[in-house]
Amino acid sequence: MPHHHRTTQQTAIQLLQRRQLRLTACRISVVHNLLEQKNAISQPELENELQDFDRVTLYRTLHTFLEKGIIHQIYDDSGVIKYALCTEHCDHDHLHQDEHVHFKCMLCKQITCVDSVSIPTIQLPQGYTFVDANFLVRGICSGCQKK
């Protein structure tokens, strides 16, 4: 096993242990895969990457990770839901702290979390309750600009 792979797997295990989640092969594989990804990934893409696990198991794993603040959802402009790892500040007791910009490249279609650009505080009218925000910026990523 390459050293990098083992390190990423260990990081995945530590992340699950910090959230006090039982270590299962599926959970470790999903976190490991998300750590390896530079871009957000959809459930079908994850199913394709992790063919050892059935669709229901993957769905349950993603649902648990959303509840525990391990991952956040990104609503793609094409209607596809993608997933990316949360920052350390998210957990099930707080609203997701991943209120950052998501960037979608119009050429390669990849979505990236841009943590350095935050979404301004949104003041809703009285009687409205804020849950989360999704700010998708479209353009050309640096990788495609170089091609």
N, C-alpha and C. Protein backbone atom coordinates (compact mmCIF):
# COMPACT_ATOMS: atom_id res chain seq x y z
N MET A 1 0.85 -1.19 0.00
CA MET A 1 0.00 0.00 0.00
C MET A 1 0.89 1.24 0.00
N PRO A 2 0.68 2.18 -0.94
CA PRO A 2 1.51 3.39 -0.96
C PRO A 2 1.35 4.19 0.33
N HIS A 3 2.42 4.89 0.72
CA HIS A 3 2.41 5.64 1.98
C HIS A 3 1.28 6.67 2.00
N HIS A 4 1.08 7.40 0.88
CA HIS A 4 0.04 8.44 0.82
C HIS A 4 -1.34 7.85 1.08
N HIS A 5 -1.60 6.68 0.48
CA HIS A 5 -2.90 6.02 0.64
C HIS A 5 -3.13 5.68 2.11
N ARG A 6 -2.09 5.14 2.78
CA ARG A 6 -2.21 4.74 4.17
C ARG A 6 -2.45 5.98 5.05
N THR A 7 -1.77 7.08 4.77
CA THR A 7 -1.93 8.31 5.54
C THR A 7 -3.34 8.85 5.40
N THR A 8 -3.87 8.87 4.18
CA THR A 8 -5.23 9.36 3.95
C THR A 8 -6.24 8.45 4.65
N GLN A 9 -6.01 7.16 4.62
CA GLN A 9 -6.92 6.22 5.29
C GLN A 9 -6.89 6.45 6.80
N GLN A 10 -5.71 6.70 7.35
CA GLN A 10 -5.59 6.97 8.79
C GLN A 10 -6.32 8.26 9.15
N THR A 11 -6.22 9.28 8.29
CA THR A 11 -6.92 10.54 8.50
C THR A 11 -8.43 10.30 8.50
N ALA A 12 -8.90 9.46 7.58
CA ALA A 12 -10.33 9.13 7.50
C ALA A 12 -10.79 8.46 8.80
N ILE A 13 -10.01 7.53 9.30
CA ILE A 13 -10.36 6.83 10.55
C ILE A 13 -10.40 7.81 11.72
N GLN A 14 -9.41 8.71 11.79
CA GLN A 14 -9.36 9.70 12.87
C GLN A 14 -10.57 10.63 12.82
N LEU A 15 -10.96 11.04 11.61
CA LEU A 15 -12.12 11.93 11.45
C LEU A 15 -13.38 11.25 11.98
N LEU A 16 -13.57 9.97 11.65
CA LEU A 16 -14.74 9.23 12.13
C LEU A 16 -14.69 9.05 13.64
N GLN A 17 -13.51 8.79 14.18
CA GLN A 17 -13.38 8.59 15.63
C GLN A 17 -13.70 9.89 16.38
N ARG A 18 -13.25 11.03 15.82
CA ARG A 18 -13.54 12.33 16.46
C ARG A 18 -15.04 12.58 16.53
N ARG A 19 -15.78 12.11 15.54
CA ARG A 19 -17.24 12.29 15.52
C ARG A 19 -17.95 11.14 16.23
N GLN A 20 -17.17 10.26 16.84
CA GLN A 20 -17.70 9.12 17.61
C GLN A 20 -18.62 8.24 16.77
N LEU A 21 -18.21 8.00 15.53
CA LEU A 21 -18.96 7.12 14.65
C LEU A 21 -18.28 5.76 14.59
N ARG A 22 -19.10 4.73 14.55
CA ARG A 22 -18.58 3.37 14.42
C ARG A 22 -17.81 3.26 13.11
N LEU A 23 -16.66 2.60 13.17
CA LEU A 23 -15.84 2.45 11.97
C LEU A 23 -16.35 1.27 11.15
N THR A 24 -16.89 1.57 9.97
CA THR A 24 -17.29 0.49 9.05
C THR A 24 -16.47 0.67 7.78
N ALA A 25 -16.37 -0.39 7.02
CA ALA A 25 -15.60 -0.34 5.76
C ALA A 25 -16.15 0.73 4.83
N CYS A 26 -17.48 0.84 4.76
CA CYS A 26 -18.11 1.83 3.87
C CYS A 26 -17.79 3.25 4.33
N ARG A 27 -17.96 3.52 5.61
CA ARG A 27 -17.70 4.86 6.14
C ARG A 27 -16.24 5.28 5.89
N ILE A 28 -15.32 4.37 6.18
CA ILE A 28 -13.90 4.67 5.98
C ILE A 28 -13.63 4.93 4.50
N SER A 29 -14.20 4.11 3.62
CA SER A 29 -13.99 4.25 2.18
C SER A 29 -14.55 5.57 1.64
N VAL A 30 -15.74 5.96 2.12
CA VAL A 30 -16.35 7.21 1.65
C VAL A 30 -15.51 8.41 2.08
N VAL A 31 -15.12 8.47 3.37
CA VAL A 31 -14.29 9.59 3.84
C VAL A 31 -12.96 9.60 3.11
N HIS A 32 -12.36 8.43 2.96
CA HIS A 32 -11.08 8.32 2.26
C HIS A 32 -11.21 8.86 0.84
N ASN A 33 -12.28 8.48 0.15
CA ASN A 33 -12.51 8.93 -1.22
C ASN A 33 -12.67 10.45 -1.28
N LEU A 34 -13.44 11.02 -0.34
CA LEU A 34 -13.65 12.46 -0.32
C LEU A 34 -12.36 13.22 0.02
N LEU A 35 -11.52 12.63 0.85
CA LEU A 35 -10.22 13.24 1.16
C LEU A 35 -9.32 13.27 -0.07
N GLU A 36 -9.42 12.23 -0.89
CA GLU A 36 -8.58 12.12 -2.09
C GLU A 36 -9.07 13.04 -3.21
N GLN A 37 -10.37 13.36 -3.19
CA GLN A 37 -10.96 14.19 -4.25
C GLN A 37 -10.57 15.64 -4.07
N LYS A 38 -10.32 16.31 -5.16
CA LYS A 38 -10.11 17.77 -5.09
C LYS A 38 -11.44 18.48 -5.34
N ASN A 39 -12.41 17.74 -5.87
CA ASN A 39 -13.69 18.34 -6.25
C ASN A 39 -14.84 17.62 -5.55
N ALA A 40 -16.00 18.29 -5.52
CA ALA A 40 -17.21 17.68 -4.96
C ALA A 40 -17.62 16.51 -5.85
N ILE A 41 -18.30 15.53 -5.24
CA ILE A 41 -18.66 14.31 -5.98
C ILE A 41 -20.13 13.98 -5.73
N SER A 42 -20.81 13.46 -6.75
CA SER A 42 -22.22 13.09 -6.61
C SER A 42 -22.33 11.65 -6.09
N GLN A 43 -23.52 11.28 -5.65
CA GLN A 43 -23.71 9.90 -5.17
C GLN A 43 -23.46 8.89 -6.30
N PRO A 44 -23.97 9.10 -7.53
CA PRO A 44 -23.66 8.14 -8.60
C PRO A 44 -22.16 8.01 -8.88
N GLU A 45 -21.43 9.13 -8.82
CA GLU A 45 -19.98 9.08 -9.03
C GLU A 45 -19.31 8.29 -7.91
N LEU A 46 -19.80 8.47 -6.68
CA LEU A 46 -19.27 7.74 -5.54
C LEU A 46 -19.57 6.25 -5.67
N GLU A 47 -20.78 5.92 -6.12
CA GLU A 47 -21.16 4.51 -6.35
C GLU A 47 -20.22 3.88 -7.37
N ASN A 48 -19.87 4.63 -8.39
CA ASN A 48 -18.96 4.14 -9.42
C ASN A 48 -17.56 3.90 -8.87
N GLU A 49 -17.12 4.79 -7.98
CA GLU A 49 -15.78 4.68 -7.38
C GLU A 49 -15.72 3.53 -6.36
N LEU A 50 -16.80 3.34 -5.61
CA LEU A 50 -16.83 2.37 -4.51
C LEU A 50 -17.82 1.25 -4.82
N GLN A 51 -17.47 0.38 -5.72
CA GLN A 51 -18.41 -0.65 -6.18
C GLN A 51 -18.56 -1.81 -5.20
N ASP A 52 -17.78 -1.81 -4.10
CA ASP A 52 -17.92 -2.86 -3.09
C ASP A 52 -19.19 -2.69 -2.25
N PHE A 53 -19.79 -1.49 -2.31
CA PHE A 53 -20.93 -1.19 -1.44
C PHE A 53 -22.17 -0.91 -2.27
N ASP A 54 -23.32 -1.38 -1.77
CA ASP A 54 -24.56 -1.17 -2.53
C ASP A 54 -25.07 0.25 -2.34
N ARG A 55 -26.01 0.63 -3.18
CA ARG A 55 -26.55 2.00 -3.22
C ARG A 55 -27.17 2.40 -1.88
N VAL A 56 -27.92 1.51 -1.24
CA VAL A 56 -28.60 1.82 0.02
C VAL A 56 -27.57 2.10 1.12
N THR A 57 -26.53 1.30 1.19
CA THR A 57 -25.48 1.50 2.20
C THR A 57 -24.79 2.85 1.99
N LEU A 58 -24.48 3.18 0.74
CA LEU A 58 -23.86 4.47 0.45
C LEU A 58 -24.80 5.62 0.80
N TYR A 59 -26.07 5.48 0.47
CA TYR A 59 -27.06 6.52 0.78
C TYR A 59 -27.12 6.75 2.29
N ARG A 60 -27.20 5.67 3.05
CA ARG A 60 -27.28 5.79 4.51
C ARG A 60 -26.02 6.44 5.08
N THR A 61 -24.88 6.07 4.52
CA THR A 61 -23.60 6.63 4.96
C THR A 61 -23.57 8.13 4.71
N LEU A 62 -23.97 8.56 3.51
CA LEU A 62 -23.99 9.99 3.18
C LEU A 62 -24.97 10.73 4.10
N HIS A 63 -26.13 10.13 4.35
CA HIS A 63 -27.14 10.74 5.22
C HIS A 63 -26.58 10.94 6.64
N THR A 64 -25.92 9.92 7.17
CA THR A 64 -25.30 10.01 8.50
C THR A 64 -24.24 11.09 8.53
N PHE A 65 -23.42 11.15 7.48
CA PHE A 65 -22.34 12.14 7.42
C PHE A 65 -22.90 13.56 7.35
N LEU A 66 -24.03 13.74 6.66
CA LEU A 66 -24.68 15.06 6.61
C LEU A 66 -25.16 15.47 8.00
N GLU A 67 -25.80 14.52 8.70
CA GLU A 67 -26.32 14.79 10.04
C GLU A 67 -25.22 15.11 11.03
N LYS A 68 -24.07 14.47 10.89
CA LYS A 68 -22.96 14.63 11.83
C LYS A 68 -22.01 15.76 11.46
N GLY A 69 -22.30 16.47 10.36
CA GLY A 69 -21.45 17.59 9.98
C GLY A 69 -20.11 17.19 9.40
N ILE A 70 -20.05 15.99 8.79
CA ILE A 70 -18.81 15.53 8.16
C ILE A 70 -18.74 15.99 6.71
N ILE A 71 -19.90 16.02 6.05
CA ILE A 71 -19.97 16.47 4.66
C ILE A 71 -21.06 17.53 4.53
N HIS A 72 -21.00 18.28 3.44
CA HIS A 72 -22.09 19.21 3.12
C HIS A 72 -22.51 19.00 1.68
N GLN A 73 -23.75 19.40 1.40
CA GLN A 73 -24.31 19.26 0.06
C GLN A 73 -24.04 20.52 -0.75
N ILE A 74 -23.83 20.32 -2.03
CA ILE A 74 -23.69 21.43 -2.96
C ILE A 74 -24.71 21.18 -4.06
N TYR A 75 -25.57 22.16 -4.28
CA TYR A 75 -26.59 22.02 -5.32
C TYR A 75 -26.03 22.56 -6.62
N ASP A 76 -25.74 21.65 -7.53
CA ASP A 76 -25.20 21.98 -8.84
C ASP A 76 -26.27 22.71 -9.66
N ASP A 77 -25.86 23.55 -10.58
CA ASP A 77 -26.82 24.28 -11.40
C ASP A 77 -27.57 23.36 -12.37
N SER A 78 -27.10 22.11 -12.50
CA SER A 78 -27.80 21.16 -13.37
C SER A 78 -28.78 20.30 -12.57
N GLY A 79 -28.95 20.60 -11.28
CA GLY A 79 -29.90 19.87 -10.44
C GLY A 79 -29.31 18.67 -9.73
N VAL A 80 -28.02 18.42 -9.92
CA VAL A 80 -27.35 17.28 -9.27
C VAL A 80 -26.84 17.73 -7.90
N ILE A 81 -27.02 16.87 -6.89
CA ILE A 81 -26.48 17.17 -5.57
C ILE A 81 -25.09 16.55 -5.48
N LYS A 82 -24.12 17.36 -5.07
CA LYS A 82 -22.75 16.87 -4.89
C LYS A 82 -22.39 17.00 -3.42
N TYR A 83 -21.35 16.28 -3.02
CA TYR A 83 -20.94 16.25 -1.62
C TYR A 83 -19.46 16.59 -1.51
N ALA A 84 -19.11 17.29 -0.43
CA ALA A 84 -17.72 17.59 -0.13
C ALA A 84 -17.55 17.55 1.38
N LEU A 85 -16.32 17.34 1.84
CA LEU A 85 -16.05 17.32 3.27
C LEU A 85 -16.25 18.70 3.88
N CYS A 86 -16.75 18.71 5.11
CA CYS A 86 -16.91 19.96 5.85
C CYS A 86 -15.58 20.36 6.47
N THR A 87 -15.54 21.59 6.95
CA THR A 87 -14.40 22.02 7.74
C THR A 87 -14.55 21.41 9.13
N GLU A 88 -13.57 21.60 9.97
CA GLU A 88 -13.60 21.06 11.33
C GLU A 88 -14.70 21.67 12.19
N HIS A 89 -15.26 22.82 11.77
CA HIS A 89 -16.17 23.57 12.62
C HIS A 89 -17.62 23.10 12.56
N CYS A 90 -17.92 22.14 11.70
CA CYS A 90 -19.30 21.67 11.57
C CYS A 90 -19.53 20.48 12.49
N ASP A 91 -20.69 20.41 13.08
CA ASP A 91 -21.10 19.20 13.79
C ASP A 91 -22.62 19.19 13.89
N HIS A 92 -23.15 18.12 14.47
CA HIS A 92 -24.61 17.97 14.49
C HIS A 92 -25.29 18.97 15.43
N ASP A 93 -24.53 19.64 16.32
CA ASP A 93 -25.14 20.61 17.23
C ASP A 93 -25.23 22.00 16.63
N HIS A 94 -24.50 22.23 15.55
CA HIS A 94 -24.47 23.56 14.94
C HIS A 94 -24.91 23.47 13.49
N LEU A 95 -25.32 24.60 12.95
CA LEU A 95 -25.58 24.65 11.52
C LEU A 95 -24.26 24.49 10.81
N HIS A 96 -24.31 24.00 9.57
CA HIS A 96 -23.08 23.84 8.81
C HIS A 96 -22.36 25.18 8.71
N GLN A 97 -21.06 25.14 8.95
CA GLN A 97 -20.24 26.35 8.88
C GLN A 97 -19.56 26.47 7.51
N ASP A 98 -20.01 25.70 6.54
CA ASP A 98 -19.42 25.71 5.21
C ASP A 98 -20.08 26.75 4.32
N GLU A 99 -20.26 27.93 4.85
CA GLU A 99 -20.89 28.98 4.07
C GLU A 99 -19.83 29.69 3.23
N HIS A 100 -19.32 28.94 2.27
CA HIS A 100 -18.30 29.48 1.37
C HIS A 100 -18.81 29.36 -0.06
N VAL A 101 -18.07 29.93 -0.96
CA VAL A 101 -18.42 29.90 -2.38
C VAL A 101 -18.05 28.54 -2.97
N HIS A 102 -18.91 28.03 -3.83
CA HIS A 102 -18.59 26.84 -4.62
C HIS A 102 -18.37 27.31 -6.06
N PHE A 103 -17.32 26.80 -6.68
CA PHE A 103 -16.98 27.22 -8.04
C PHE A 103 -17.17 26.06 -9.00
N LYS A 104 -17.95 26.28 -10.07
CA LYS A 104 -18.13 25.25 -11.09
C LYS A 104 -17.48 25.71 -12.37
N CYS A 105 -16.57 24.88 -12.88
CA CYS A 105 -15.91 25.18 -14.14
C CYS A 105 -16.87 24.83 -15.29
N MET A 106 -17.05 25.76 -16.20
CA MET A 106 -17.98 25.56 -17.32
C MET A 106 -17.39 24.65 -18.39
N LEU A 107 -16.08 24.36 -18.30
CA LEU A 107 -15.47 23.46 -19.27
C LEU A 107 -15.39 22.03 -18.74
N CYS A 108 -14.72 21.83 -17.59
CA CYS A 108 -14.56 20.46 -17.07
C CYS A 108 -15.72 20.03 -16.16
N LYS A 109 -16.60 20.97 -15.80
CA LYS A 109 -17.82 20.72 -15.00
C LYS A 109 -17.53 20.36 -13.53
N GLN A 110 -16.27 20.45 -13.09
CA GLN A 110 -15.92 20.12 -11.70
C GLN A 110 -16.35 21.25 -10.77
N ILE A 111 -16.79 20.86 -9.56
CA ILE A 111 -17.16 21.84 -8.53
C ILE A 111 -16.12 21.78 -7.42
N THR A 112 -15.64 22.95 -7.02
CA THR A 112 -14.63 23.06 -5.98
C THR A 112 -15.12 23.98 -4.88
N CYS A 113 -14.80 23.65 -3.62
CA CYS A 113 -15.10 24.55 -2.51
C CYS A 113 -14.02 25.63 -2.48
N VAL A 114 -14.42 26.88 -2.43
CA VAL A 114 -13.46 27.99 -2.34
C VAL A 114 -13.60 28.57 -0.93
N ASP A 115 -12.82 28.00 0.01
CA ASP A 115 -12.94 28.38 1.42
C ASP A 115 -12.50 29.81 1.68
N SER A 116 -11.65 30.36 0.81
CA SER A 116 -11.12 31.71 1.03
C SER A 116 -12.14 32.80 0.72
N VAL A 117 -13.27 32.44 0.08
CA VAL A 117 -14.31 33.42 -0.23
C VAL A 117 -15.57 33.03 0.55
N SER A 118 -15.94 33.87 1.51
CA SER A 118 -17.12 33.54 2.32
C SER A 118 -18.34 34.29 1.82
N ILE A 119 -19.49 33.72 2.14
CA ILE A 119 -20.77 34.33 1.76
C ILE A 119 -21.11 35.35 2.83
N PRO A 120 -21.52 36.54 2.43
CA PRO A 120 -21.89 37.54 3.45
C PRO A 120 -23.08 37.07 4.29
N THR A 121 -23.19 37.58 5.49
CA THR A 121 -24.32 37.25 6.36
C THR A 121 -25.61 37.71 5.69
N ILE A 122 -26.56 36.81 5.66
CA ILE A 122 -27.83 37.12 5.01
C ILE A 122 -28.87 37.44 6.08
N GLN A 123 -29.38 38.66 6.04
CA GLN A 123 -30.40 39.09 7.00
C GLN A 123 -31.78 38.81 6.40
N LEU A 124 -32.45 37.82 6.96
CA LEU A 124 -33.79 37.48 6.47
C LEU A 124 -34.85 38.29 7.21
N PRO A 125 -36.01 38.48 6.59
CA PRO A 125 -37.09 39.20 7.27
C PRO A 125 -37.55 38.45 8.52
N GLN A 126 -38.17 39.15 9.44
CA GLN A 126 -38.67 38.54 10.67
C GLN A 126 -39.62 37.39 10.34
N GLY A 127 -39.48 36.30 11.08
CA GLY A 127 -40.34 35.14 10.86
C GLY A 127 -39.72 34.10 9.95
N TYR A 128 -38.60 34.43 9.31
CA TYR A 128 -37.88 33.47 8.46
C TYR A 128 -36.72 32.90 9.25
N THR A 129 -36.45 31.61 9.08
CA THR A 129 -35.33 30.96 9.77
C THR A 129 -34.30 30.49 8.76
N PHE A 130 -33.07 30.92 8.93
CA PHE A 130 -31.98 30.52 8.04
C PHE A 130 -31.52 29.10 8.37
N VAL A 131 -31.33 28.27 7.36
CA VAL A 131 -30.78 26.92 7.55
C VAL A 131 -29.41 26.82 6.90
N ASP A 132 -29.32 27.10 5.62
CA ASP A 132 -28.02 27.10 4.96
C ASP A 132 -28.12 27.93 3.69
N ALA A 133 -26.97 28.15 3.08
CA ALA A 133 -26.92 28.92 1.84
C ALA A 133 -26.00 28.20 0.87
N ASN A 134 -26.30 28.35 -0.41
CA ASN A 134 -25.46 27.73 -1.43
C ASN A 134 -25.16 28.80 -2.47
N PHE A 135 -23.89 29.13 -2.61
CA PHE A 135 -23.49 30.19 -3.52
C PHE A 135 -22.59 29.57 -4.58
N LEU A 136 -23.13 29.41 -5.79
CA LEU A 136 -22.38 28.77 -6.88
C LEU A 136 -21.90 29.83 -7.87
N VAL A 137 -20.59 29.88 -8.05
CA VAL A 137 -19.98 30.78 -9.02
C VAL A 137 -19.55 29.93 -10.21
N ARG A 138 -19.90 30.37 -11.42
CA ARG A 138 -19.50 29.62 -12.62
C ARG A 138 -18.43 30.40 -13.36
N GLY A 139 -17.51 29.67 -13.95
CA GLY A 139 -16.43 30.29 -14.72
C GLY A 139 -15.51 29.23 -15.26
N ILE A 140 -14.25 29.57 -15.46
CA ILE A 140 -13.25 28.63 -15.98
C ILE A 140 -12.19 28.44 -14.90
N CYS A 141 -11.94 27.18 -14.50
CA CYS A 141 -10.96 26.90 -13.43
C CYS A 141 -9.54 27.11 -13.95
N SER A 142 -8.60 27.18 -13.01
CA SER A 142 -7.20 27.44 -13.38
C SER A 142 -6.62 26.31 -14.23
N GLY A 143 -7.05 25.06 -13.96
CA GLY A 143 -6.55 23.94 -14.76
C GLY A 143 -6.95 24.04 -16.22
N CYS A 144 -8.20 24.43 -16.45
CA CYS A 144 -8.69 24.56 -17.84
C CYS A 144 -8.11 25.80 -18.52
N GLN A 145 -7.80 26.83 -17.76
CA GLN A 145 -7.20 28.05 -18.34
C GLN A 145 -5.83 27.75 -18.94
N LYS A 146 -5.13 26.78 -18.33
CA LYS A 146 -3.76 26.46 -18.76
C LYS A 146 -3.73 25.59 -20.02
N LYS A 147 -4.89 24.98 -20.36
CA LYS A 147 -4.92 24.06 -21.50
C LYS A 147 -4.89 24.81 -22.82
